[in-house]
Amino acid sequence: MQATKSVVNHFSSRMPKTESVPAHPAHAPSLQDITALVLAGGRGMRMGGVDKGLQLFNGLPMAQHALQRLQAQQGGALGGAVAQAIVNANRNPEVYRALGEATLGAGRVQVVPDRDSEFAGPLAGFQAGLDVCATPLMLTVPCDSPLFPLDMAQRLLAALLQADADMAVVMAPEAGRDGQITLRAQPVFCLMRTAVAPGLHAFLSSGGRKVDAWTATLRCTAVPFDALGDDPRAFANANTLDELRQLET
């Protein structure tokens, strides 16, 4: 486990504390203070330009799997399920709305596009979610990773509160080109305080697009998901149709 600690510490060391985000409230949040955001606004180019979130995984659209797993998040001592959900989608908004309401119920899902039509990546999705998020915390997941853990929200929230951070980011095991397994940051799986919104808007307005460059301005804590019992494929994503079929096996 020593290697795991060094990776986590290296990630955290790239995240210097700043005073750009307002002080955190004394109230300790629970899962009911979280809105979940499903990122489904990409072009899906490696799948031939299809709307990736609507591609079937074990018979259901991947975005619906994401919504189901968000609905089933375990709160433990931190209580309850997430409050509501947002889907960031630049195509087929009515389809996503119907999927969301079928999963979470009427009135609990919003579908929002990016502010512009540039398909500017995950940060544009974060921005779209923050624009309408009504809770103090926002949990983000991509639409193409249908196996993320059911205790993810609980673990990220516990880490965020313990570190008094602006953002908690998943660290998941990945095989490198040499075959070695190391923990790597998965910033599209994160829990953020919505107070980071002004800084994100300024970053994007200045032409910033890289997730790592933005998170480096925040107080972040890295949360490893390599404990005994953690599924090593939990954060695997499907960028191609072949990868999607492999996840089904």
C-alpha atoms as a PDB file:
ATOM      1  CA  MET A   1       0.000   0.000   0.000  1.00  0.00           C
ATOM      2  CA  GLN A   2       2.991   2.340   0.241  1.00  0.00           C
ATOM      3  CA  ALA A   3       2.873   2.946  -3.521  1.00  0.00           C
ATOM      4  CA  THR A   4      -0.780   3.875  -3.228  1.00  0.00           C
ATOM      5  CA  LYS A   5      -0.032   6.501  -0.597  1.00  0.00           C
ATOM      6  CA  SER A   6       2.688   8.071  -2.701  1.00  0.00           C
ATOM      7  CA  VAL A   7       0.370   8.422  -5.679  1.00  0.00           C
ATOM      8  CA  VAL A   8      -2.341  10.026  -3.561  1.00  0.00           C
ATOM      9  CA  ASN A   9       0.113  12.409  -1.960  1.00  0.00           C
ATOM     10  CA  HIS A  10       1.540  13.370  -5.367  1.00  0.00           C
ATOM     11  CA  PHE A  11      -1.961  14.168  -6.628  1.00  0.00           C
ATOM     12  CA  SER A  12      -2.780  16.239  -3.564  1.00  0.00           C
ATOM     13  CA  SER A  13       0.493  18.123  -3.828  1.00  0.00           C
ATOM     14  CA  ARG A  14      -0.572  19.500  -7.215  1.00  0.00           C
ATOM     15  CA  MET A  15      -3.609  21.114  -5.605  1.00  0.00           C
ATOM     16  CA  PRO A  16      -2.402  24.181  -3.672  1.00  0.00           C
ATOM     17  CA  LYS A  17      -4.814  25.886  -1.318  1.00  0.00           C
ATOM     18  CA  THR A  18      -6.147  29.225  -2.426  1.00  0.00           C
ATOM     19  CA  GLU A  19      -8.464  31.830  -0.969  1.00  0.00           C
ATOM     20  CA  SER A  20     -10.593  32.088  -4.138  1.00  0.00           C
ATOM     21  CA  VAL A  21     -13.477  30.019  -2.749  1.00  0.00           C
ATOM     22  CA  PRO A  22     -15.654  31.359   0.087  1.00  0.00           C
ATOM     23  CA  ALA A  23     -15.267  29.865   3.553  1.00  0.00           C
ATOM     24  CA  HIS A  24     -17.167  26.613   4.080  1.00  0.00           C
ATOM     25  CA  PRO A  25     -20.289  26.710   6.238  1.00  0.00           C
ATOM     26  CA  ALA A  26     -20.204  25.198   9.727  1.00  0.00           C
ATOM     27  CA  HIS A  27     -23.128  22.884   8.878  1.00  0.00           C
ATOM     28  CA  ALA A  28     -21.856  19.402   8.009  1.00  0.00           C
ATOM     29  CA  PRO A  29     -23.592  18.302   4.778  1.00  0.00           C
ATOM     30  CA  SER A  30     -25.203  14.916   4.186  1.00  0.00           C
ATOM     31  CA  LEU A  31     -25.997  13.060   0.978  1.00  0.00           C
ATOM     32  CA  GLN A  32     -29.287  14.964   0.886  1.00  0.00           C
ATOM     33  CA  ASP A  33     -27.245  18.113   0.241  1.00  0.00           C
ATOM     34  CA  ILE A  34     -25.870  16.610  -2.984  1.00  0.00           C
ATOM     35  CA  THR A  35     -27.153  16.980  -6.531  1.00  0.00           C
ATOM     36  CA  ALA A  36     -25.723  14.431  -8.964  1.00  0.00           C
ATOM     37  CA  LEU A  37     -24.588  15.455 -12.448  1.00  0.00           C
ATOM     38  CA  VAL A  38     -24.350  12.921 -15.301  1.00  0.00           C
ATOM     39  CA  LEU A  39     -21.975  14.109 -18.014  1.00  0.00           C
ATOM     40  CA  ALA A  40     -23.499  13.109 -21.366  1.00  0.00           C
ATOM     41  CA  GLY A  41     -22.611  16.116 -23.502  1.00  0.00           C
ATOM     42  CA  GLY A  42     -19.697  14.739 -25.516  1.00  0.00           C
ATOM     43  CA  ARG A  43     -19.450  14.142 -29.244  1.00  0.00           C
ATOM     44  CA  GLY A  44     -18.861  10.388 -28.925  1.00  0.00           C
ATOM     45  CA  MET A  45     -16.335  10.540 -31.754  1.00  0.00           C
ATOM     46  CA  ARG A  46     -14.617   7.263 -30.873  1.00  0.00           C
ATOM     47  CA  MET A  47     -18.012   5.591 -31.159  1.00  0.00           C
ATOM     48  CA  GLY A  48     -18.615   7.112 -34.570  1.00  0.00           C
ATOM     49  CA  GLY A  49     -20.310  10.278 -33.359  1.00  0.00           C
ATOM     50  CA  VAL A  50     -23.237   8.579 -31.627  1.00  0.00           C
ATOM     51  CA  ASP A  51     -24.861   9.943 -28.463  1.00  0.00           C
ATOM     52  CA  LYS A  52     -22.817   7.830 -26.088  1.00  0.00           C
ATOM     53  CA  GLY A  53     -25.138   8.004 -23.105  1.00  0.00           C
ATOM     54  CA  LEU A  54     -27.924   6.365 -25.122  1.00  0.00           C
ATOM     55  CA  GLN A  55     -25.862   3.339 -26.176  1.00  0.00           C
ATOM     56  CA  LEU A  56     -27.095   0.135 -24.586  1.00  0.00           C
ATOM     57  CA  PHE A  57     -25.230  -1.632 -21.793  1.00  0.00           C
ATOM     58  CA  ASN A  58     -26.870  -4.910 -20.772  1.00  0.00           C
ATOM     59  CA  GLY A  59     -30.076  -3.779 -22.436  1.00  0.00           C
ATOM     60  CA  LEU A  60     -30.358  -0.275 -20.978  1.00  0.00           C
ATOM     61  CA  PRO A  61     -28.855   3.074 -22.037  1.00  0.00           C
ATOM     62  CA  MET A  62     -25.589   3.794 -20.226  1.00  0.00           C
ATOM     63  CA  ALA A  63     -26.973   7.072 -18.896  1.00  0.00           C
ATOM     64  CA  GLN A  64     -29.853   5.176 -17.302  1.00  0.00           C
ATOM     65  CA  HIS A  65     -27.376   2.857 -15.581  1.00  0.00           C
ATOM     66  CA  ALA A  66     -25.623   5.945 -14.210  1.00  0.00           C
ATOM     67  CA  LEU A  67     -28.914   7.367 -12.922  1.00  0.00           C
ATOM     68  CA  GLN A  68     -29.871   4.043 -11.329  1.00  0.00           C
ATOM     69  CA  ARG A  69     -26.528   3.808  -9.530  1.00  0.00           C
ATOM     70  CA  LEU A  70     -26.865   7.379  -8.326  1.00  0.00           C
ATOM     71  CA  GLN A  71     -30.342   6.604  -7.003  1.00  0.00           C
ATOM     72  CA  ALA A  72     -28.919   3.578  -5.170  1.00  0.00           C
ATOM     73  CA  GLN A  73     -26.020   5.413  -3.507  1.00  0.00           C
ATOM     74  CA  GLN A  74     -25.601   4.278   0.084  1.00  0.00           C
ATOM     75  CA  GLY A  75     -25.532   7.033   2.674  1.00  0.00           C
ATOM     76  CA  GLY A  76     -24.404   5.167   5.760  1.00  0.00           C
ATOM     77  CA  ALA A  77     -23.892   7.567   8.670  1.00  0.00           C
ATOM     78  CA  LEU A  78     -24.087  10.467   6.205  1.00  0.00           C
ATOM     79  CA  GLY A  79     -27.743   9.742   5.552  1.00  0.00           C
ATOM     80  CA  GLY A  80     -30.225   9.390   2.724  1.00  0.00           C
ATOM     81  CA  ALA A  81     -29.939   9.381  -1.025  1.00  0.00           C
ATOM     82  CA  VAL A  82     -28.727  12.226  -3.234  1.00  0.00           C
ATOM     83  CA  ALA A  83     -31.282  15.030  -3.497  1.00  0.00           C
ATOM     84  CA  GLN A  84     -31.790  15.170  -7.250  1.00  0.00           C
ATOM     85  CA  ALA A  85     -29.998  14.795 -10.565  1.00  0.00           C
ATOM     86  CA  ILE A  86     -28.937  16.846 -13.567  1.00  0.00           C
ATOM     87  CA  VAL A  87     -28.043  15.434 -16.976  1.00  0.00           C
ATOM     88  CA  ASN A  88     -25.695  17.523 -19.107  1.00  0.00           C
ATOM     89  CA  ALA A  89     -26.682  16.616 -22.679  1.00  0.00           C
ATOM     90  CA  ASN A  90     -26.228  18.509 -25.943  1.00  0.00           C
ATOM     91  CA  ARG A  91     -28.434  16.160 -27.949  1.00  0.00           C
ATOM     92  CA  ASN A  92     -31.741  14.360 -27.373  1.00  0.00           C
ATOM     93  CA  PRO A  93     -32.782  16.279 -24.231  1.00  0.00           C
ATOM     94  CA  GLU A  94     -36.285  14.825 -24.168  1.00  0.00           C
ATOM     95  CA  VAL A  95     -34.934  11.280 -24.242  1.00  0.00           C
ATOM     96  CA  TYR A  96     -32.644  12.003 -21.304  1.00  0.00           C
ATOM     97  CA  ARG A  97     -35.464  13.699 -19.406  1.00  0.00           C
ATOM     98  CA  ALA A  98     -37.674  10.648 -19.899  1.00  0.00           C
ATOM     99  CA  LEU A  99     -34.880   8.333 -18.704  1.00  0.00           C
ATOM    100  CA  GLY A 100     -34.322  10.497 -15.661  1.00  0.00           C
ATOM    101  CA  GLU A 101     -37.970  10.699 -14.683  1.00  0.00           C
ATOM    102  CA  ALA A 102     -38.451   6.965 -15.229  1.00  0.00           C
ATOM    103  CA  THR A 103     -35.557   6.336 -12.833  1.00  0.00           C
ATOM    104  CA  LEU A 104     -35.816   9.062 -10.197  1.00  0.00           C
ATOM    105  CA  GLY A 105     -39.375  10.336 -10.570  1.00  0.00           C
ATOM    106  CA  ALA A 106     -40.995  13.452 -11.997  1.00  0.00           C
ATOM    107  CA  GLY A 107     -39.454  16.750 -11.015  1.00  0.00           C
ATOM    108  CA  ARG A 108     -36.173  15.305  -9.765  1.00  0.00           C
ATOM    109  CA  VAL A 109     -34.152  15.523 -12.993  1.00  0.00           C
ATOM    110  CA  GLN A 110     -33.075  18.515 -15.080  1.00  0.00           C
ATOM    111  CA  VAL A 111     -31.472  18.229 -18.521  1.00  0.00           C
ATOM    112  CA  VAL A 112     -29.142  21.077 -19.433  1.00  0.00           C
ATOM    113  CA  PRO A 113     -26.851  21.681 -22.431  1.00  0.00           C
ATOM    114  CA  ASP A 114     -23.460  23.372 -22.431  1.00  0.00           C
ATOM    115  CA  ARG A 115     -23.581  27.163 -22.527  1.00  0.00           C
ATOM    116  CA  ASP A 116     -22.300  27.068 -26.114  1.00  0.00           C
ATOM    117  CA  SER A 117     -22.059  24.595 -28.997  1.00  0.00           C
ATOM    118  CA  GLU A 118     -18.299  24.011 -28.887  1.00  0.00           C
ATOM    119  CA  PHE A 119     -18.458  20.647 -27.054  1.00  0.00           C
ATOM    120  CA  ALA A 120     -15.744  22.011 -24.775  1.00  0.00           C
ATOM    121  CA  GLY A 121     -15.380  18.901 -22.640  1.00  0.00           C
ATOM    122  CA  PRO A 122     -16.056  17.985 -19.002  1.00  0.00           C
ATOM    123  CA  LEU A 123     -15.529  21.490 -17.637  1.00  0.00           C
ATOM    124  CA  ALA A 124     -18.328  22.790 -19.847  1.00  0.00           C
ATOM    125  CA  GLY A 125     -20.514  20.065 -18.366  1.00  0.00           C
ATOM    126  CA  PHE A 126     -19.465  21.042 -14.840  1.00  0.00           C
ATOM    127  CA  GLN A 127     -20.366  24.645 -15.655  1.00  0.00           C
ATOM    128  CA  ALA A 128     -23.777  23.689 -17.035  1.00  0.00           C
ATOM    129  CA  GLY A 129     -24.517  21.676 -13.909  1.00  0.00           C
ATOM    130  CA  LEU A 130     -23.349  24.390 -11.533  1.00  0.00           C
ATOM    131  CA  ASP A 131     -25.543  26.911 -13.366  1.00  0.00           C
ATOM    132  CA  VAL A 132     -28.684  25.119 -12.135  1.00  0.00           C
ATOM    133  CA  CYS A 133     -27.494  23.177  -9.076  1.00  0.00           C
ATOM    134  CA  ALA A 134     -29.585  24.191  -6.043  1.00  0.00           C
ATOM    135  CA  THR A 135     -27.676  22.241  -3.375  1.00  0.00           C
ATOM    136  CA  PRO A 136     -24.326  23.119  -1.756  1.00  0.00           C
ATOM    137  CA  LEU A 137     -22.624  20.054  -3.231  1.00  0.00           C
ATOM    138  CA  MET A 138     -22.516  18.496  -6.711  1.00  0.00           C
ATOM    139  CA  LEU A 139     -21.402  14.946  -7.492  1.00  0.00           C
ATOM    140  CA  THR A 140     -20.269  14.267 -11.059  1.00  0.00           C
ATOM    141  CA  VAL A 141     -20.115  11.029 -13.057  1.00  0.00           C
ATOM    142  CA  PRO A 142     -19.604  10.372 -16.782  1.00  0.00           C
ATOM    143  CA  CYS A 143     -22.332   8.596 -18.726  1.00  0.00           C
ATOM    144  CA  ASP A 144     -19.951   5.942 -20.073  1.00  0.00           C
ATOM    145  CA  SER A 145     -18.881   4.273 -16.798  1.00  0.00           C
ATOM    146  CA  PRO A 146     -21.876   2.147 -15.758  1.00  0.00           C
ATOM    147  CA  LEU A 147     -20.201   0.264 -12.884  1.00  0.00           C
ATOM    148  CA  PHE A 148     -19.158   2.983 -10.420  1.00  0.00           C
ATOM    149  CA  PRO A 149     -19.480   2.028  -6.731  1.00  0.00           C
ATOM    150  CA  LEU A 150     -22.691   2.391  -4.781  1.00  0.00           C
ATOM    151  CA  ASP A 151     -20.763   3.858  -1.834  1.00  0.00           C
ATOM    152  CA  MET A 152     -18.895   6.433  -3.946  1.00  0.00           C
ATOM    153  CA  ALA A 153     -20.900   9.462  -2.796  1.00  0.00           C
ATOM    154  CA  GLN A 154     -20.533   8.468   0.851  1.00  0.00           C
ATOM    155  CA  ARG A 155     -16.773   8.010   0.598  1.00  0.00           C
ATOM    156  CA  LEU A 156     -16.211  11.214  -1.349  1.00  0.00           C
ATOM    157  CA  LEU A 157     -18.333  13.225   1.081  1.00  0.00           C
ATOM    158  CA  ALA A 158     -16.541  11.810   4.117  1.00  0.00           C
ATOM    159  CA  ALA A 159     -13.171  12.683   2.583  1.00  0.00           C
ATOM    160  CA  LEU A 160     -14.316  16.166   1.555  1.00  0.00           C
ATOM    161  CA  LEU A 161     -15.486  16.961   5.068  1.00  0.00           C
ATOM    162  CA  GLN A 162     -12.437  15.475   6.771  1.00  0.00           C
ATOM    163  CA  ALA A 163     -10.044  17.471   4.565  1.00  0.00           C
ATOM    164  CA  ASP A 164     -12.217  20.639   4.558  1.00  0.00           C
ATOM    165  CA  ALA A 165     -11.661  20.613   0.803  1.00  0.00           C
ATOM    166  CA  ASP A 166     -13.402  22.232  -2.152  1.00  0.00           C
ATOM    167  CA  MET A 167     -13.366  19.009  -4.141  1.00  0.00           C
ATOM    168  CA  ALA A 168     -12.865  15.286  -3.547  1.00  0.00           C
ATOM    169  CA  VAL A 169     -11.574  13.338  -6.556  1.00  0.00           C
ATOM    170  CA  VAL A 170     -11.621   9.577  -7.146  1.00  0.00           C
ATOM    171  CA  MET A 171      -8.285   7.783  -7.481  1.00  0.00           C
ATOM    172  CA  ALA A 172      -8.789   4.462  -9.255  1.00  0.00           C
ATOM    173  CA  PRO A 173      -6.379   1.664 -10.243  1.00  0.00           C
ATOM    174  CA  GLU A 174      -5.290   1.662 -13.876  1.00  0.00           C
ATOM    175  CA  ALA A 175      -2.817  -0.442 -15.806  1.00  0.00           C
ATOM    176  CA  GLY A 176      -0.029   1.542 -17.410  1.00  0.00           C
ATOM    177  CA  ARG A 177       1.699   0.712 -20.676  1.00  0.00           C
ATOM    178  CA  ASP A 178       4.186  -1.381 -18.727  1.00  0.00           C
ATOM    179  CA  GLY A 179       1.343  -3.386 -17.180  1.00  0.00           C
ATOM    180  CA  GLN A 180       1.917  -1.958 -13.718  1.00  0.00           C
ATOM    181  CA  ILE A 181      -1.204  -1.039 -11.759  1.00  0.00           C
ATOM    182  CA  THR A 182      -1.143   2.440 -10.238  1.00  0.00           C
ATOM    183  CA  LEU A 183      -3.717   4.817  -8.831  1.00  0.00           C
ATOM    184  CA  ARG A 184      -4.673   7.608 -11.187  1.00  0.00           C
ATOM    185  CA  ALA A 185      -6.924  10.599 -10.702  1.00  0.00           C
ATOM    186  CA  GLN A 186     -10.364  10.329 -12.302  1.00  0.00           C
ATOM    187  CA  PRO A 187     -11.525  13.963 -12.071  1.00  0.00           C
ATOM    188  CA  VAL A 188     -14.840  13.364 -13.859  1.00  0.00           C
ATOM    189  CA  PHE A 189     -15.738  11.354 -10.743  1.00  0.00           C
ATOM    190  CA  CYS A 190     -15.716  14.026  -8.112  1.00  0.00           C
ATOM    191  CA  LEU A 191     -17.692  15.792  -5.413  1.00  0.00           C
ATOM    192  CA  MET A 192     -17.394  19.575  -5.422  1.00  0.00           C
ATOM    193  CA  ARG A 193     -18.750  22.449  -3.405  1.00  0.00           C
ATOM    194  CA  THR A 194     -20.899  24.628  -5.631  1.00  0.00           C
ATOM    195  CA  ALA A 195     -19.036  27.668  -4.282  1.00  0.00           C
ATOM    196  CA  VAL A 196     -16.329  26.837  -6.865  1.00  0.00           C
ATOM    197  CA  ALA A 197     -18.647  28.047  -9.666  1.00  0.00           C
ATOM    198  CA  PRO A 198     -17.306  31.618 -10.030  1.00  0.00           C
ATOM    199  CA  GLY A 199     -13.739  30.372 -10.358  1.00  0.00           C
ATOM    200  CA  LEU A 200     -14.765  27.840 -13.009  1.00  0.00           C
ATOM    201  CA  HIS A 201     -16.657  30.466 -14.987  1.00  0.00           C
ATOM    202  CA  ALA A 202     -13.586  32.738 -14.909  1.00  0.00           C
ATOM    203  CA  PHE A 203     -11.291  29.867 -15.907  1.00  0.00           C
ATOM    204  CA  LEU A 204     -13.429  28.964 -18.925  1.00  0.00           C
ATOM    205  CA  SER A 205     -13.866  32.605 -19.920  1.00  0.00           C
ATOM    206  CA  SER A 206     -10.078  32.953 -20.013  1.00  0.00           C
ATOM    207  CA  GLY A 207      -9.841  30.062 -22.491  1.00  0.00           C
ATOM    208  CA  GLY A 208      -9.018  27.304 -20.006  1.00  0.00           C
ATOM    209  CA  ARG A 209     -10.202  23.826 -20.947  1.00  0.00           C
ATOM    210  CA  LYS A 210      -8.013  21.310 -19.090  1.00  0.00           C
ATOM    211  CA  VAL A 211      -9.567  19.752 -16.015  1.00  0.00           C
ATOM    212  CA  ASP A 212      -6.212  19.361 -14.231  1.00  0.00           C
ATOM    213  CA  ALA A 213      -5.359  23.030 -14.726  1.00  0.00           C
ATOM    214  CA  TRP A 214      -8.617  24.094 -13.106  1.00  0.00           C
ATOM    215  CA  THR A 215      -8.517  21.629 -10.214  1.00  0.00           C
ATOM    216  CA  ALA A 216      -4.967  22.829  -9.460  1.00  0.00           C
ATOM    217  CA  THR A 217      -6.528  26.125  -8.317  1.00  0.00           C
ATOM    218  CA  LEU A 218      -8.711  24.375  -5.715  1.00  0.00           C
ATOM    219  CA  ARG A 219      -8.297  22.713  -2.353  1.00  0.00           C
ATOM    220  CA  CYS A 220      -8.652  19.090  -3.433  1.00  0.00           C
ATOM    221  CA  THR A 221      -8.420  15.788  -1.665  1.00  0.00           C
ATOM    222  CA  ALA A 222      -7.735  12.489  -3.428  1.00  0.00           C
ATOM    223  CA  VAL A 223      -9.858   9.480  -2.470  1.00  0.00           C
ATOM    224  CA  PRO A 224      -8.411   6.038  -3.314  1.00  0.00           C
ATOM    225  CA  PHE A 225     -10.775   3.270  -4.393  1.00  0.00           C
ATOM    226  CA  ASP A 226      -8.399   0.330  -4.122  1.00  0.00           C
ATOM    227  CA  ALA A 227      -9.465  -1.134  -0.784  1.00  0.00           C
ATOM    228  CA  LEU A 228     -10.146  -4.814  -0.267  1.00  0.00           C
ATOM    229  CA  GLY A 229     -13.500  -5.516  -1.889  1.00  0.00           C
ATOM    230  CA  ASP A 230     -13.397  -2.593  -4.313  1.00  0.00           C
ATOM    231  CA  ASP A 231     -14.169  -3.667  -7.885  1.00  0.00           C
ATOM    232  CA  PRO A 232     -11.071  -2.950 -10.028  1.00  0.00           C
ATOM    233  CA  ARG A 233     -13.372  -2.294 -13.007  1.00  0.00           C
ATOM    234  CA  ALA A 234     -15.669   0.090 -11.136  1.00  0.00           C
ATOM    235  CA  PHE A 235     -14.446   3.168 -12.982  1.00  0.00           C
ATOM    236  CA  ALA A 236     -13.812   1.567 -16.361  1.00  0.00           C
ATOM    237  CA  ASN A 237     -15.301   3.570 -19.196  1.00  0.00           C
ATOM    238  CA  ALA A 238     -16.437   2.686 -22.702  1.00  0.00           C
ATOM    239  CA  ASN A 239     -14.912   4.996 -25.301  1.00  0.00           C
ATOM    240  CA  THR A 240     -15.563   2.597 -28.181  1.00  0.00           C
ATOM    241  CA  LEU A 241     -18.249   0.052 -29.000  1.00  0.00           C
ATOM    242  CA  ASP A 242     -15.679  -2.733 -28.492  1.00  0.00           C
ATOM    243  CA  GLU A 243     -14.924  -1.431 -24.991  1.00  0.00           C
ATOM    244  CA  LEU A 244     -18.639  -1.284 -24.287  1.00  0.00           C
ATOM    245  CA  ARG A 245     -19.073  -4.933 -25.259  1.00  0.00           C
ATOM    246  CA  GLN A 246     -16.062  -5.879 -23.102  1.00  0.00           C
ATOM    247  CA  LEU A 247     -17.649  -4.227 -20.079  1.00  0.00           C
ATOM    248  CA  GLU A 248     -20.708  -6.412 -20.536  1.00  0.00           C
ATOM    249  CA  THR A 249     -18.693  -9.604 -20.055  1.00  0.00           C
END
